[in-house]
Amino acid sequence: MRNFTLAAGLLVASSTVAADTVYDPFFACESRQAFEEATLMNARGDTRGLDHLVRQKRCFQVDVGTEYSVVDVNTDHNPRDWVKLRIYDGDSSFEVFSWLGFTY
């Protein structure tokens, strides 16, 4: 019974904590593969390749005011490492990958 009470308490506590909100727009991708492609293209200055990912809707800008939660982090030390985010859009949500530094 104690475990059930603890679990129920955690659920209530987690439902009262607000998601983070985007204060500066940032770039994100629908999959880790697309994110890794974008990272390589960005490092090489390949704007045509990045534009292709955006036109194919594999990567996009996350706008100011968007709510998100951090789902997973590659590391918590390097802002250039990936972070997996859950983006909230009304009653629905979807997961994206971006650079950890954008979530600071």
N, C-alpha and C. Protein backbone atom coordinates (compact mmCIF):
# COMPACT_ATOMS: atom_id res chain seq x y z
N MET A 1 0.82 -1.19 0.00
CA MET A 1 0.00 0.00 0.00
C MET A 1 0.87 1.26 0.00
N ARG A 2 1.98 1.20 0.71
CA ARG A 2 2.88 2.36 0.78
C ARG A 2 3.41 2.71 -0.61
N ASN A 3 3.78 1.68 -1.41
CA ASN A 3 4.29 1.95 -2.76
C ASN A 3 3.23 2.61 -3.63
N PHE A 4 1.98 2.17 -3.48
CA PHE A 4 0.90 2.77 -4.26
C PHE A 4 0.72 4.23 -3.87
N THR A 5 0.77 4.52 -2.58
CA THR A 5 0.61 5.89 -2.10
C THR A 5 1.76 6.76 -2.61
N LEU A 6 2.97 6.24 -2.58
CA LEU A 6 4.12 6.97 -3.07
C LEU A 6 3.98 7.24 -4.57
N ALA A 7 3.58 6.22 -5.33
CA ALA A 7 3.41 6.38 -6.78
C ALA A 7 2.32 7.40 -7.08
N ALA A 8 1.21 7.34 -6.37
CA ALA A 8 0.13 8.29 -6.58
C ALA A 8 0.59 9.70 -6.24
N GLY A 9 1.36 9.85 -5.19
CA GLY A 9 1.91 11.16 -4.82
C GLY A 9 2.84 11.70 -5.87
N LEU A 10 3.65 10.85 -6.46
CA LEU A 10 4.55 11.29 -7.52
C LEU A 10 3.78 11.73 -8.75
N LEU A 11 2.71 11.02 -9.09
CA LEU A 11 1.88 11.41 -10.23
C LEU A 11 1.24 12.76 -10.01
N VAL A 12 0.72 12.99 -8.84
CA VAL A 12 0.10 14.28 -8.54
C VAL A 12 1.14 15.38 -8.57
N ALA A 13 2.29 15.13 -7.97
CA ALA A 13 3.35 16.13 -7.94
C ALA A 13 3.83 16.44 -9.36
N SER A 14 3.98 15.43 -10.19
CA SER A 14 4.48 15.67 -11.54
C SER A 14 3.45 16.39 -12.39
N SER A 15 2.18 16.23 -12.11
CA SER A 15 1.17 16.90 -12.92
C SER A 15 1.04 18.37 -12.55
N THR A 16 1.58 18.79 -11.42
CA THR A 16 1.48 20.19 -11.03
C THR A 16 2.71 20.99 -11.45
N VAL A 17 3.74 20.36 -11.95
CA VAL A 17 4.95 21.04 -12.39
C VAL A 17 4.79 21.43 -13.86
N ALA A 18 5.00 22.69 -14.15
CA ALA A 18 4.84 23.18 -15.52
C ALA A 18 6.02 22.75 -16.39
N ALA A 19 5.75 22.60 -17.67
CA ALA A 19 6.82 22.34 -18.63
C ALA A 19 7.65 23.61 -18.78
N ASP A 20 8.84 23.48 -19.34
CA ASP A 20 9.65 24.65 -19.64
C ASP A 20 9.05 25.36 -20.84
N THR A 21 9.38 26.62 -20.99
CA THR A 21 8.88 27.42 -22.10
C THR A 21 10.06 27.97 -22.90
N VAL A 22 9.94 27.95 -24.22
CA VAL A 22 10.98 28.46 -25.10
C VAL A 22 11.01 29.98 -25.02
N TYR A 23 12.18 30.55 -24.70
CA TYR A 23 12.35 32.00 -24.64
C TYR A 23 13.11 32.53 -25.85
N ASP A 24 13.92 31.70 -26.46
CA ASP A 24 14.63 32.03 -27.70
C ASP A 24 14.34 30.90 -28.68
N PRO A 25 13.91 31.23 -29.92
CA PRO A 25 13.63 30.16 -30.89
C PRO A 25 14.87 29.31 -31.12
N PHE A 26 14.66 28.02 -31.39
CA PHE A 26 15.79 27.15 -31.68
C PHE A 26 15.42 26.12 -32.73
N PHE A 27 16.42 25.46 -33.27
CA PHE A 27 16.31 24.49 -34.36
C PHE A 27 16.16 23.10 -33.76
N ALA A 28 15.24 22.30 -34.29
CA ALA A 28 15.03 20.92 -33.83
C ALA A 28 14.70 20.05 -35.03
N CYS A 29 14.86 18.73 -34.84
CA CYS A 29 14.58 17.78 -35.91
C CYS A 29 13.70 16.65 -35.40
N GLU A 30 12.93 16.06 -36.32
CA GLU A 30 11.96 15.03 -35.97
C GLU A 30 12.58 13.72 -35.51
N SER A 31 13.83 13.47 -35.86
CA SER A 31 14.48 12.22 -35.49
C SER A 31 15.95 12.50 -35.15
N ARG A 32 16.53 11.56 -34.46
CA ARG A 32 17.95 11.71 -34.12
C ARG A 32 18.81 11.64 -35.38
N GLN A 33 18.40 10.83 -36.35
CA GLN A 33 19.14 10.74 -37.60
C GLN A 33 19.14 12.09 -38.33
N ALA A 34 17.96 12.72 -38.43
CA ALA A 34 17.88 14.03 -39.09
C ALA A 34 18.69 15.06 -38.31
N PHE A 35 18.65 14.99 -36.98
CA PHE A 35 19.43 15.90 -36.15
C PHE A 35 20.92 15.72 -36.39
N GLU A 36 21.38 14.48 -36.47
CA GLU A 36 22.80 14.23 -36.72
C GLU A 36 23.22 14.73 -38.10
N GLU A 37 22.34 14.55 -39.11
CA GLU A 37 22.61 15.10 -40.44
C GLU A 37 22.73 16.62 -40.37
N ALA A 38 21.78 17.25 -39.66
CA ALA A 38 21.79 18.71 -39.54
C ALA A 38 23.05 19.20 -38.83
N THR A 39 23.48 18.46 -37.81
CA THR A 39 24.69 18.82 -37.08
C THR A 39 25.91 18.80 -37.99
N LEU A 40 26.03 17.74 -38.79
CA LEU A 40 27.16 17.65 -39.73
C LEU A 40 27.10 18.75 -40.78
N MET A 41 25.90 19.00 -41.31
CA MET A 41 25.75 20.05 -42.33
C MET A 41 26.07 21.42 -41.74
N ASN A 42 25.62 21.66 -40.53
CA ASN A 42 25.90 22.93 -39.87
C ASN A 42 27.40 23.12 -39.67
N ALA A 43 28.09 22.06 -39.25
CA ALA A 43 29.54 22.13 -39.03
C ALA A 43 30.29 22.42 -40.33
N ARG A 44 29.76 21.92 -41.45
CA ARG A 44 30.39 22.14 -42.75
C ARG A 44 29.91 23.42 -43.43
N GLY A 45 28.93 24.10 -42.84
CA GLY A 45 28.38 25.30 -43.46
C GLY A 45 27.50 24.99 -44.66
N ASP A 46 26.93 23.80 -44.69
CA ASP A 46 26.11 23.34 -45.82
C ASP A 46 24.67 23.85 -45.67
N THR A 47 24.44 25.11 -46.09
CA THR A 47 23.11 25.69 -45.95
C THR A 47 22.08 25.04 -46.89
N ARG A 48 22.53 24.56 -48.03
CA ARG A 48 21.61 23.90 -48.95
C ARG A 48 21.08 22.60 -48.33
N GLY A 49 21.96 21.85 -47.69
CA GLY A 49 21.54 20.61 -47.03
C GLY A 49 20.59 20.88 -45.88
N LEU A 50 20.86 21.93 -45.08
CA LEU A 50 19.96 22.29 -43.99
C LEU A 50 18.61 22.74 -44.54
N ASP A 51 18.63 23.52 -45.61
CA ASP A 51 17.39 23.97 -46.23
C ASP A 51 16.56 22.78 -46.72
N HIS A 52 17.23 21.77 -47.26
CA HIS A 52 16.55 20.56 -47.71
C HIS A 52 15.81 19.88 -46.54
N LEU A 53 16.48 19.75 -45.40
CA LEU A 53 15.84 19.13 -44.23
C LEU A 53 14.62 19.93 -43.78
N VAL A 54 14.71 21.25 -43.86
CA VAL A 54 13.58 22.10 -43.48
C VAL A 54 12.44 21.96 -44.49
N ARG A 55 12.75 21.99 -45.78
CA ARG A 55 11.70 21.83 -46.81
C ARG A 55 11.01 20.48 -46.71
N GLN A 56 11.74 19.45 -46.32
CA GLN A 56 11.16 18.11 -46.17
C GLN A 56 10.44 17.96 -44.83
N LYS A 57 10.43 19.02 -44.03
CA LYS A 57 9.80 19.04 -42.71
C LYS A 57 10.41 18.04 -41.75
N ARG A 58 11.69 17.76 -41.95
CA ARG A 58 12.42 16.88 -41.02
C ARG A 58 13.05 17.69 -39.90
N CYS A 59 13.27 18.99 -40.15
CA CYS A 59 13.80 19.91 -39.15
C CYS A 59 13.03 21.22 -39.25
N PHE A 60 12.98 21.97 -38.14
CA PHE A 60 12.18 23.18 -38.10
C PHE A 60 12.59 24.05 -36.92
N GLN A 61 12.05 25.24 -36.89
CA GLN A 61 12.30 26.15 -35.78
C GLN A 61 11.22 25.96 -34.72
N VAL A 62 11.64 25.88 -33.47
CA VAL A 62 10.72 25.83 -32.33
C VAL A 62 10.56 27.27 -31.85
N ASP A 63 9.34 27.78 -31.87
CA ASP A 63 9.09 29.19 -31.63
C ASP A 63 8.99 29.55 -30.15
N VAL A 64 9.18 30.83 -29.88
CA VAL A 64 9.04 31.40 -28.53
C VAL A 64 7.64 31.09 -28.01
N GLY A 65 7.57 30.73 -26.73
CA GLY A 65 6.28 30.44 -26.10
C GLY A 65 5.89 28.97 -26.14
N THR A 66 6.60 28.18 -26.94
CA THR A 66 6.32 26.75 -27.03
C THR A 66 6.72 26.07 -25.72
N GLU A 67 5.86 25.21 -25.21
CA GLU A 67 6.18 24.47 -24.00
C GLU A 67 6.85 23.14 -24.37
N TYR A 68 7.80 22.72 -23.55
CA TYR A 68 8.53 21.48 -23.80
C TYR A 68 8.99 20.86 -22.49
N SER A 69 9.27 19.56 -22.56
CA SER A 69 9.89 18.82 -21.46
C SER A 69 11.11 18.11 -21.99
N VAL A 70 12.15 18.00 -21.17
CA VAL A 70 13.34 17.24 -21.53
C VAL A 70 13.05 15.77 -21.26
N VAL A 71 13.20 14.93 -22.29
CA VAL A 71 12.94 13.50 -22.18
C VAL A 71 14.23 12.73 -21.94
N ASP A 72 15.30 13.10 -22.65
CA ASP A 72 16.58 12.39 -22.55
C ASP A 72 17.69 13.35 -22.94
N VAL A 73 18.86 13.14 -22.37
CA VAL A 73 20.03 13.98 -22.64
C VAL A 73 21.22 13.07 -22.89
N ASN A 74 21.99 13.37 -23.96
CA ASN A 74 23.19 12.60 -24.25
C ASN A 74 24.22 12.80 -23.15
N THR A 75 24.39 14.03 -22.71
CA THR A 75 25.30 14.38 -21.62
C THR A 75 24.80 15.69 -21.05
N ASP A 76 25.14 16.00 -19.84
CA ASP A 76 24.72 17.29 -19.30
C ASP A 76 25.88 18.27 -19.20
N HIS A 77 26.93 18.03 -19.97
CA HIS A 77 28.11 18.88 -19.87
C HIS A 77 28.40 19.68 -21.14
N ASN A 78 28.05 19.17 -22.29
CA ASN A 78 28.40 19.82 -23.54
C ASN A 78 27.14 20.36 -24.23
N PRO A 79 27.02 21.69 -24.37
CA PRO A 79 25.83 22.26 -24.99
C PRO A 79 25.64 21.86 -26.45
N ARG A 80 26.67 21.29 -27.09
CA ARG A 80 26.55 20.85 -28.49
C ARG A 80 26.07 19.40 -28.59
N ASP A 81 25.87 18.72 -27.48
CA ASP A 81 25.33 17.36 -27.51
C ASP A 81 23.83 17.40 -27.67
N TRP A 82 23.25 16.25 -28.01
CA TRP A 82 21.81 16.22 -28.29
C TRP A 82 20.98 16.11 -27.01
N VAL A 83 19.76 16.59 -27.16
CA VAL A 83 18.73 16.46 -26.13
C VAL A 83 17.44 16.04 -26.84
N LYS A 84 16.71 15.13 -26.23
CA LYS A 84 15.41 14.72 -26.77
C LYS A 84 14.34 15.47 -25.98
N LEU A 85 13.47 16.16 -26.70
CA LEU A 85 12.44 16.99 -26.08
C LEU A 85 11.05 16.52 -26.47
N ARG A 86 10.11 16.73 -25.59
CA ARG A 86 8.70 16.54 -25.92
C ARG A 86 8.11 17.94 -26.07
N ILE A 87 7.63 18.24 -27.26
CA ILE A 87 7.03 19.53 -27.57
C ILE A 87 5.52 19.40 -27.42
N TYR A 88 4.92 20.35 -26.71
CA TYR A 88 3.47 20.33 -26.49
C TYR A 88 2.80 21.29 -27.47
N ASP A 89 1.74 20.78 -28.10
CA ASP A 89 0.98 21.55 -29.07
C ASP A 89 -0.50 21.37 -28.72
N GLY A 90 -1.02 22.23 -27.86
CA GLY A 90 -2.40 22.07 -27.39
C GLY A 90 -2.51 20.81 -26.56
N ASP A 91 -3.41 19.92 -26.97
CA ASP A 91 -3.61 18.66 -26.25
C ASP A 91 -2.71 17.54 -26.75
N SER A 92 -1.94 17.79 -27.79
CA SER A 92 -1.07 16.74 -28.32
C SER A 92 0.40 17.11 -28.06
N SER A 93 1.26 16.15 -28.34
CA SER A 93 2.70 16.37 -28.18
C SER A 93 3.45 15.52 -29.19
N PHE A 94 4.70 15.87 -29.41
CA PHE A 94 5.57 15.08 -30.28
C PHE A 94 7.00 15.27 -29.79
N GLU A 95 7.86 14.32 -30.14
CA GLU A 95 9.24 14.36 -29.67
C GLU A 95 10.18 14.80 -30.78
N VAL A 96 11.19 15.58 -30.39
CA VAL A 96 12.18 16.10 -31.33
C VAL A 96 13.56 16.00 -30.69
N PHE A 97 14.57 16.21 -31.51
CA PHE A 97 15.96 16.26 -31.05
C PHE A 97 16.52 17.64 -31.36
N SER A 98 17.35 18.13 -30.45
CA SER A 98 18.01 19.42 -30.65
C SER A 98 19.33 19.41 -29.88
N TRP A 99 19.98 20.57 -29.82
CA TRP A 99 21.21 20.70 -29.06
C TRP A 99 20.87 21.05 -27.63
N LEU A 100 21.57 20.46 -26.70
CA LEU A 100 21.34 20.69 -25.28
C LEU A 100 21.41 22.16 -24.92
N GLY A 101 22.32 22.89 -25.52
CA GLY A 101 22.50 24.31 -25.20
C GLY A 101 21.27 25.16 -25.41
N PHE A 102 20.36 24.74 -26.26
CA PHE A 102 19.15 25.52 -26.50
C PHE A 102 18.17 25.43 -25.33
N THR A 103 18.34 24.48 -24.43
CA THR A 103 17.40 24.31 -23.32
C THR A 103 17.83 25.04 -22.07
N TYR A 104 18.92 25.78 -22.11
CA TYR A 104 19.40 26.52 -20.92
C TYR A 104 18.61 27.79 -20.73
